N, C-alpha and C. Protein backbone atom coordinates (compact mmCIF):
# COMPACT_ATOMS: atom_id res chain seq x y z
N MET A 1 150.86 73.68 67.34
CA MET A 1 149.92 73.22 68.34
C MET A 1 148.50 73.40 67.82
N MET A 2 147.68 72.38 67.92
CA MET A 2 146.28 72.46 67.47
C MET A 2 145.41 72.97 68.61
N PHE A 3 144.43 73.77 68.22
CA PHE A 3 143.48 74.26 69.20
C PHE A 3 142.19 73.48 69.06
N GLY A 4 141.72 72.89 70.12
CA GLY A 4 140.49 72.11 70.10
C GLY A 4 139.26 72.99 70.20
N LYS A 5 138.13 72.37 70.01
CA LYS A 5 136.87 73.09 70.12
C LYS A 5 136.62 73.42 71.59
N ARG A 6 136.33 74.67 71.86
CA ARG A 6 136.06 75.09 73.22
C ARG A 6 134.58 75.39 73.36
N SER A 7 133.91 74.70 74.25
CA SER A 7 132.50 74.99 74.47
C SER A 7 132.40 76.02 75.59
N LEU A 8 131.33 76.79 75.55
CA LEU A 8 131.11 77.84 76.52
C LEU A 8 129.90 77.52 77.38
N GLU A 9 129.90 78.04 78.58
CA GLU A 9 128.73 77.95 79.45
C GLU A 9 127.57 78.68 78.75
N ILE A 10 126.36 78.19 78.91
CA ILE A 10 125.19 78.71 78.18
C ILE A 10 125.01 80.22 78.37
N ARG A 11 125.03 80.67 79.60
CA ARG A 11 124.81 82.10 79.88
C ARG A 11 125.91 82.95 79.24
N LYS A 12 127.15 82.48 79.34
CA LYS A 12 128.28 83.19 78.76
C LYS A 12 128.17 83.21 77.23
N LEU A 13 127.74 82.10 76.66
CA LEU A 13 127.55 82.00 75.21
C LEU A 13 126.51 83.03 74.75
N GLY A 14 125.40 83.13 75.47
CA GLY A 14 124.35 84.09 75.13
C GLY A 14 124.85 85.53 75.19
N ARG A 15 125.58 85.86 76.26
CA ARG A 15 126.13 87.23 76.40
C ARG A 15 127.10 87.55 75.27
N ARG A 16 127.99 86.60 74.97
CA ARG A 16 128.96 86.83 73.88
C ARG A 16 128.24 86.95 72.53
N GLY A 17 127.22 86.13 72.33
CA GLY A 17 126.45 86.19 71.09
C GLY A 17 125.78 87.54 70.91
N GLU A 18 125.19 88.07 71.98
CA GLU A 18 124.52 89.37 71.88
C GLU A 18 125.52 90.49 71.67
N ARG A 19 126.69 90.38 72.30
CA ARG A 19 127.75 91.38 72.06
C ARG A 19 128.22 91.32 70.61
N ARG A 20 128.37 90.11 70.10
CA ARG A 20 128.79 89.93 68.70
C ARG A 20 127.73 90.47 67.74
N ALA A 21 126.47 90.29 68.08
CA ALA A 21 125.37 90.79 67.25
C ALA A 21 125.40 92.32 67.19
N ALA A 22 125.60 92.97 68.34
CA ALA A 22 125.68 94.44 68.37
C ALA A 22 126.86 94.92 67.51
N TRP A 23 127.99 94.24 67.60
CA TRP A 23 129.16 94.58 66.81
C TRP A 23 128.87 94.40 65.32
N PHE A 24 128.18 93.32 64.97
CA PHE A 24 127.79 93.04 63.59
C PHE A 24 127.02 94.23 63.00
N TYR A 25 126.07 94.74 63.74
CA TYR A 25 125.28 95.87 63.25
C TYR A 25 126.07 97.18 63.24
N ARG A 26 126.89 97.40 64.26
CA ARG A 26 127.71 98.62 64.28
C ARG A 26 128.63 98.69 63.07
N LEU A 27 129.22 97.56 62.68
CA LEU A 27 130.10 97.52 61.51
C LEU A 27 129.37 97.92 60.23
N ARG A 28 128.06 97.74 60.21
CA ARG A 28 127.25 98.05 59.04
C ARG A 28 126.57 99.41 59.12
N GLY A 29 127.00 100.24 60.08
CA GLY A 29 126.52 101.61 60.17
C GLY A 29 125.27 101.81 61.00
N TYR A 30 124.88 100.81 61.76
CA TYR A 30 123.71 100.95 62.63
C TYR A 30 124.14 101.48 63.99
N ARG A 31 123.20 102.12 64.65
CA ARG A 31 123.41 102.57 66.03
C ARG A 31 122.55 101.69 66.91
N VAL A 32 123.12 101.16 67.98
CA VAL A 32 122.35 100.33 68.90
C VAL A 32 121.51 101.27 69.76
N VAL A 33 120.19 101.15 69.62
CA VAL A 33 119.26 101.98 70.38
C VAL A 33 119.06 101.39 71.77
N ALA A 34 118.88 100.08 71.83
CA ALA A 34 118.68 99.40 73.11
C ALA A 34 119.04 97.93 72.98
N ALA A 35 119.38 97.33 74.11
CA ALA A 35 119.68 95.90 74.14
C ALA A 35 119.00 95.28 75.35
N ASN A 36 118.52 94.07 75.18
CA ASN A 36 117.85 93.33 76.26
C ASN A 36 116.74 94.14 76.90
N VAL A 37 115.83 94.64 76.08
CA VAL A 37 114.71 95.45 76.56
C VAL A 37 113.65 94.51 77.14
N ARG A 38 113.42 94.64 78.43
CA ARG A 38 112.42 93.80 79.09
C ARG A 38 111.08 94.53 79.12
N LEU A 39 110.08 93.86 78.57
CA LEU A 39 108.73 94.39 78.56
C LEU A 39 107.81 93.39 79.26
N ARG A 40 106.55 93.77 79.42
CA ARG A 40 105.60 92.93 80.14
C ARG A 40 105.50 91.53 79.57
N SER A 41 105.51 91.42 78.23
CA SER A 41 105.29 90.12 77.60
C SER A 41 106.56 89.43 77.10
N GLY A 42 107.73 89.92 77.47
CA GLY A 42 108.96 89.27 77.04
C GLY A 42 110.13 90.23 76.93
N GLU A 43 111.10 89.85 76.10
CA GLU A 43 112.32 90.64 75.96
C GLU A 43 112.70 90.79 74.49
N ILE A 44 113.12 91.99 74.13
CA ILE A 44 113.66 92.25 72.79
C ILE A 44 115.18 92.23 72.93
N ASP A 45 115.84 91.37 72.15
CA ASP A 45 117.29 91.22 72.29
C ASP A 45 118.05 92.48 71.90
N LEU A 46 117.69 93.06 70.76
CA LEU A 46 118.46 94.19 70.24
C LEU A 46 117.56 95.07 69.39
N ILE A 47 117.69 96.38 69.56
CA ILE A 47 116.99 97.33 68.70
C ILE A 47 118.07 98.23 68.11
N VAL A 48 118.14 98.27 66.78
CA VAL A 48 119.16 99.06 66.09
C VAL A 48 118.50 100.01 65.11
N ARG A 49 119.24 101.07 64.78
CA ARG A 49 118.70 102.07 63.86
C ARG A 49 119.77 102.54 62.90
N ARG A 50 119.36 102.68 61.63
CA ARG A 50 120.22 103.31 60.62
C ARG A 50 119.31 104.17 59.78
N GLY A 51 119.58 105.47 59.77
CA GLY A 51 118.71 106.40 59.06
C GLY A 51 117.33 106.38 59.69
N LYS A 52 116.31 106.17 58.88
CA LYS A 52 114.94 106.15 59.38
C LYS A 52 114.42 104.73 59.63
N THR A 53 115.31 103.75 59.51
CA THR A 53 114.92 102.35 59.70
C THR A 53 115.26 101.88 61.11
N LEU A 54 114.25 101.36 61.79
CA LEU A 54 114.41 100.79 63.11
C LEU A 54 114.22 99.29 62.99
N ALA A 55 115.22 98.52 63.43
CA ALA A 55 115.15 97.06 63.32
C ALA A 55 115.10 96.43 64.70
N PHE A 56 114.13 95.55 64.87
CA PHE A 56 114.01 94.75 66.08
C PHE A 56 114.67 93.41 65.77
N VAL A 57 115.70 93.08 66.54
CA VAL A 57 116.53 91.92 66.22
C VAL A 57 116.36 90.82 67.26
N GLU A 58 116.10 89.62 66.78
CA GLU A 58 116.09 88.43 67.63
C GLU A 58 117.42 87.72 67.41
N VAL A 59 118.19 87.56 68.47
CA VAL A 59 119.50 86.94 68.38
C VAL A 59 119.40 85.51 68.91
N LYS A 60 119.79 84.55 68.09
CA LYS A 60 119.78 83.14 68.49
C LYS A 60 121.20 82.60 68.38
N THR A 61 121.74 82.16 69.51
CA THR A 61 123.12 81.68 69.56
C THR A 61 123.14 80.20 69.90
N ARG A 62 123.94 79.45 69.17
CA ARG A 62 124.06 78.01 69.38
C ARG A 62 125.53 77.61 69.37
N GLN A 63 125.84 76.50 70.06
CA GLN A 63 127.17 75.89 69.92
C GLN A 63 127.05 74.43 69.53
N SER A 64 125.80 73.99 69.37
CA SER A 64 125.54 72.63 68.90
C SER A 64 124.34 72.70 67.96
N LEU A 65 124.37 71.90 66.93
CA LEU A 65 123.25 71.89 65.98
C LEU A 65 122.26 70.77 66.28
N ALA A 66 122.39 70.15 67.44
CA ALA A 66 121.51 69.05 67.82
C ALA A 66 120.05 69.49 67.84
N ALA A 67 119.78 70.71 68.26
CA ALA A 67 118.41 71.24 68.32
C ALA A 67 118.09 72.06 67.07
N GLY A 68 118.96 72.02 66.08
CA GLY A 68 118.76 72.81 64.87
C GLY A 68 119.49 74.14 64.95
N GLU A 69 119.50 74.85 63.85
CA GLU A 69 120.15 76.16 63.83
C GLU A 69 119.30 77.16 64.58
N GLY A 70 119.91 78.24 65.00
CA GLY A 70 119.21 79.24 65.79
C GLY A 70 117.98 79.81 65.12
N PHE A 71 118.09 80.13 63.84
CA PHE A 71 116.96 80.76 63.15
C PHE A 71 115.75 79.84 63.07
N GLU A 72 115.96 78.53 63.17
CA GLU A 72 114.85 77.59 63.11
C GLU A 72 113.96 77.69 64.34
N ALA A 73 114.46 78.28 65.42
CA ALA A 73 113.68 78.43 66.65
C ALA A 73 112.69 79.60 66.56
N VAL A 74 112.83 80.42 65.54
CA VAL A 74 111.91 81.56 65.38
C VAL A 74 110.73 81.09 64.51
N ASP A 75 109.83 80.39 65.17
CA ASP A 75 108.64 79.88 64.48
C ASP A 75 107.53 80.93 64.51
N ARG A 76 106.35 80.55 64.05
CA ARG A 76 105.23 81.49 63.97
C ARG A 76 104.86 82.08 65.33
N ALA A 77 104.85 81.25 66.37
CA ALA A 77 104.52 81.73 67.71
C ALA A 77 105.54 82.77 68.18
N LYS A 78 106.81 82.51 67.94
CA LYS A 78 107.87 83.44 68.33
C LYS A 78 107.76 84.74 67.52
N GLN A 79 107.43 84.62 66.23
CA GLN A 79 107.24 85.80 65.40
C GLN A 79 106.11 86.67 65.94
N LEU A 80 105.00 86.04 66.32
CA LEU A 80 103.88 86.79 66.89
C LEU A 80 104.29 87.49 68.17
N GLN A 81 105.06 86.81 69.01
CA GLN A 81 105.53 87.42 70.25
C GLN A 81 106.43 88.62 69.94
N LEU A 82 107.32 88.49 68.95
CA LEU A 82 108.22 89.59 68.60
C LEU A 82 107.45 90.78 68.04
N VAL A 83 106.41 90.51 67.26
CA VAL A 83 105.57 91.59 66.72
C VAL A 83 104.88 92.33 67.86
N ARG A 84 104.34 91.58 68.81
CA ARG A 84 103.67 92.22 69.96
C ARG A 84 104.64 93.01 70.82
N LEU A 85 105.84 92.48 71.01
CA LEU A 85 106.86 93.20 71.79
C LEU A 85 107.25 94.50 71.09
N ALA A 86 107.43 94.44 69.77
CA ALA A 86 107.78 95.65 69.02
C ALA A 86 106.65 96.67 69.11
N ASP A 87 105.41 96.21 69.03
CA ASP A 87 104.25 97.09 69.15
C ASP A 87 104.21 97.76 70.52
N GLU A 88 104.49 96.98 71.55
CA GLU A 88 104.51 97.51 72.92
C GLU A 88 105.63 98.55 73.07
N TYR A 89 106.80 98.26 72.50
CA TYR A 89 107.92 99.20 72.56
C TYR A 89 107.58 100.49 71.82
N LEU A 90 106.98 100.35 70.63
CA LEU A 90 106.65 101.53 69.82
C LEU A 90 105.56 102.39 70.45
N ALA A 91 104.70 101.79 71.27
CA ALA A 91 103.69 102.55 71.99
C ALA A 91 104.35 103.50 72.99
N ARG A 92 105.47 103.08 73.55
CA ARG A 92 106.20 103.91 74.52
C ARG A 92 107.22 104.83 73.86
N HIS A 93 107.77 104.39 72.73
CA HIS A 93 108.81 105.14 72.03
C HIS A 93 108.41 105.26 70.55
N PRO A 94 107.58 106.25 70.21
CA PRO A 94 107.09 106.37 68.82
C PRO A 94 108.23 106.53 67.82
N HIS A 95 108.01 105.99 66.63
CA HIS A 95 109.00 106.05 65.54
C HIS A 95 108.25 106.27 64.24
N ARG A 96 108.70 107.23 63.43
CA ARG A 96 107.99 107.58 62.20
C ARG A 96 108.54 106.90 60.95
N GLY A 97 109.65 106.23 61.07
CA GLY A 97 110.28 105.61 59.90
C GLY A 97 109.84 104.18 59.67
N GLU A 98 110.66 103.47 58.91
CA GLU A 98 110.39 102.07 58.57
C GLU A 98 110.72 101.17 59.76
N ILE A 99 109.91 100.12 59.92
CA ILE A 99 110.12 99.12 60.97
C ILE A 99 110.48 97.80 60.31
N ARG A 100 111.44 97.10 60.89
CA ARG A 100 111.89 95.84 60.33
C ARG A 100 112.13 94.83 61.44
N HIS A 101 111.95 93.56 61.15
CA HIS A 101 112.22 92.48 62.10
C HIS A 101 113.33 91.60 61.52
N ASP A 102 114.47 91.55 62.19
CA ASP A 102 115.61 90.75 61.75
C ASP A 102 115.82 89.57 62.68
N VAL A 103 116.42 88.53 62.14
CA VAL A 103 116.87 87.39 62.96
C VAL A 103 118.36 87.22 62.68
N LEU A 104 119.14 87.17 63.73
CA LEU A 104 120.58 86.97 63.60
C LEU A 104 120.91 85.64 64.29
N SER A 105 121.34 84.69 63.49
CA SER A 105 121.64 83.35 63.98
C SER A 105 123.15 83.20 64.08
N LEU A 106 123.64 82.91 65.28
CA LEU A 106 125.07 82.79 65.52
C LEU A 106 125.40 81.36 65.94
N PHE A 107 126.45 80.82 65.36
CA PHE A 107 126.90 79.48 65.73
C PHE A 107 128.36 79.57 66.19
N TRP A 108 128.60 79.16 67.44
CA TRP A 108 129.95 79.15 68.00
C TRP A 108 130.61 77.82 67.65
N ASN A 109 131.66 77.88 66.82
CA ASN A 109 132.31 76.63 66.39
C ASN A 109 133.50 76.26 67.28
N GLY A 110 133.67 76.97 68.37
CA GLY A 110 134.78 76.68 69.28
C GLY A 110 135.89 77.71 69.19
N ARG A 111 135.93 78.43 68.10
CA ARG A 111 136.96 79.47 67.91
C ARG A 111 136.36 80.83 67.57
N ARG A 112 135.25 80.79 66.82
CA ARG A 112 134.64 82.06 66.40
C ARG A 112 133.17 81.83 66.10
N PHE A 113 132.46 82.94 65.94
CA PHE A 113 131.04 82.87 65.59
C PHE A 113 130.87 82.84 64.08
N ILE A 114 129.98 81.99 63.62
CA ILE A 114 129.55 81.99 62.22
C ILE A 114 128.18 82.66 62.22
N VAL A 115 128.06 83.73 61.47
CA VAL A 115 126.86 84.58 61.52
C VAL A 115 126.00 84.37 60.28
N ARG A 116 124.69 84.21 60.51
CA ARG A 116 123.71 84.19 59.42
C ARG A 116 122.69 85.26 59.73
N HIS A 117 122.58 86.22 58.83
CA HIS A 117 121.70 87.37 59.03
C HIS A 117 120.48 87.26 58.13
N PHE A 118 119.31 87.33 58.74
CA PHE A 118 118.05 87.30 57.99
C PHE A 118 117.41 88.67 58.14
N ARG A 119 117.71 89.52 57.18
CA ARG A 119 117.21 90.89 57.17
C ARG A 119 115.74 90.86 56.79
N ASP A 120 114.92 91.59 57.53
CA ASP A 120 113.49 91.64 57.27
C ASP A 120 112.93 90.21 57.19
N ALA A 121 113.23 89.42 58.21
CA ALA A 121 112.93 87.98 58.23
C ALA A 121 111.45 87.67 58.10
N PHE A 122 110.62 88.54 58.64
CA PHE A 122 109.16 88.36 58.53
C PHE A 122 108.51 89.73 58.64
N ARG A 123 107.31 89.82 58.13
CA ARG A 123 106.58 91.09 58.17
C ARG A 123 105.22 90.89 58.83
N PRO A 124 104.90 91.74 59.78
CA PRO A 124 103.58 91.65 60.39
C PRO A 124 102.50 92.12 59.41
N VAL A 125 101.34 91.50 59.52
CA VAL A 125 100.22 91.82 58.64
C VAL A 125 99.02 92.12 59.52
N SER A 126 98.23 93.07 59.12
CA SER A 126 97.02 93.42 59.87
C SER A 126 96.00 92.29 59.78
N ASP A 127 95.40 91.93 60.90
CA ASP A 127 94.36 90.91 60.94
C ASP A 127 93.12 91.45 60.20
N PRO A 128 92.59 90.73 59.19
CA PRO A 128 91.47 91.25 58.41
C PRO A 128 90.19 91.47 59.23
N TYR A 129 90.02 90.73 60.31
CA TYR A 129 88.82 90.87 61.14
C TYR A 129 89.00 91.86 62.28
N ARG A 130 90.24 92.03 62.70
CA ARG A 130 90.56 92.99 63.76
C ARG A 130 91.77 93.80 63.30
N PRO A 131 91.56 94.83 62.48
CA PRO A 131 92.68 95.55 61.88
C PRO A 131 93.61 96.26 62.86
N TRP A 132 93.21 96.41 64.09
CA TRP A 132 94.07 97.04 65.10
C TRP A 132 95.09 96.05 65.65
N ARG A 133 94.96 94.77 65.31
CA ARG A 133 95.90 93.74 65.77
C ARG A 133 96.79 93.29 64.62
N TRP A 134 98.03 92.97 64.97
CA TRP A 134 99.00 92.50 63.99
C TRP A 134 99.20 91.01 64.15
N THR A 135 99.51 90.37 63.03
CA THR A 135 99.83 88.95 63.05
C THR A 135 101.06 88.73 62.17
N ALA A 136 101.71 87.61 62.35
CA ALA A 136 102.92 87.35 61.56
C ALA A 136 102.60 86.45 60.39
């Protein structure tokens, strides 16, 4: 018997994608510090830690490539938002180790997730005119 492609409801797809992302990191020795952290200016999908490295993860889940792959949605504006969100989080929860920004792109093919991991996908840089502000 052949199994056809099964599409998922959008909200369900997002929840499954984020659960799969947490599992992806746990398998690699990371501890999930927080998930779906809501802050004033947005939401951080996943925060994971291994050793002294804290990674802020943007999870993008797709079941159709009509709008492009998930990682393509993380443009410069989204990167700036993620940097600001991480800064806001770190102001409340100080961390002395390394900080990293990852993008995890998941594609649901109807049977399983195909995962593309972009470790240290972008790095914030200090604005030369306003060094207290970060830019992507």
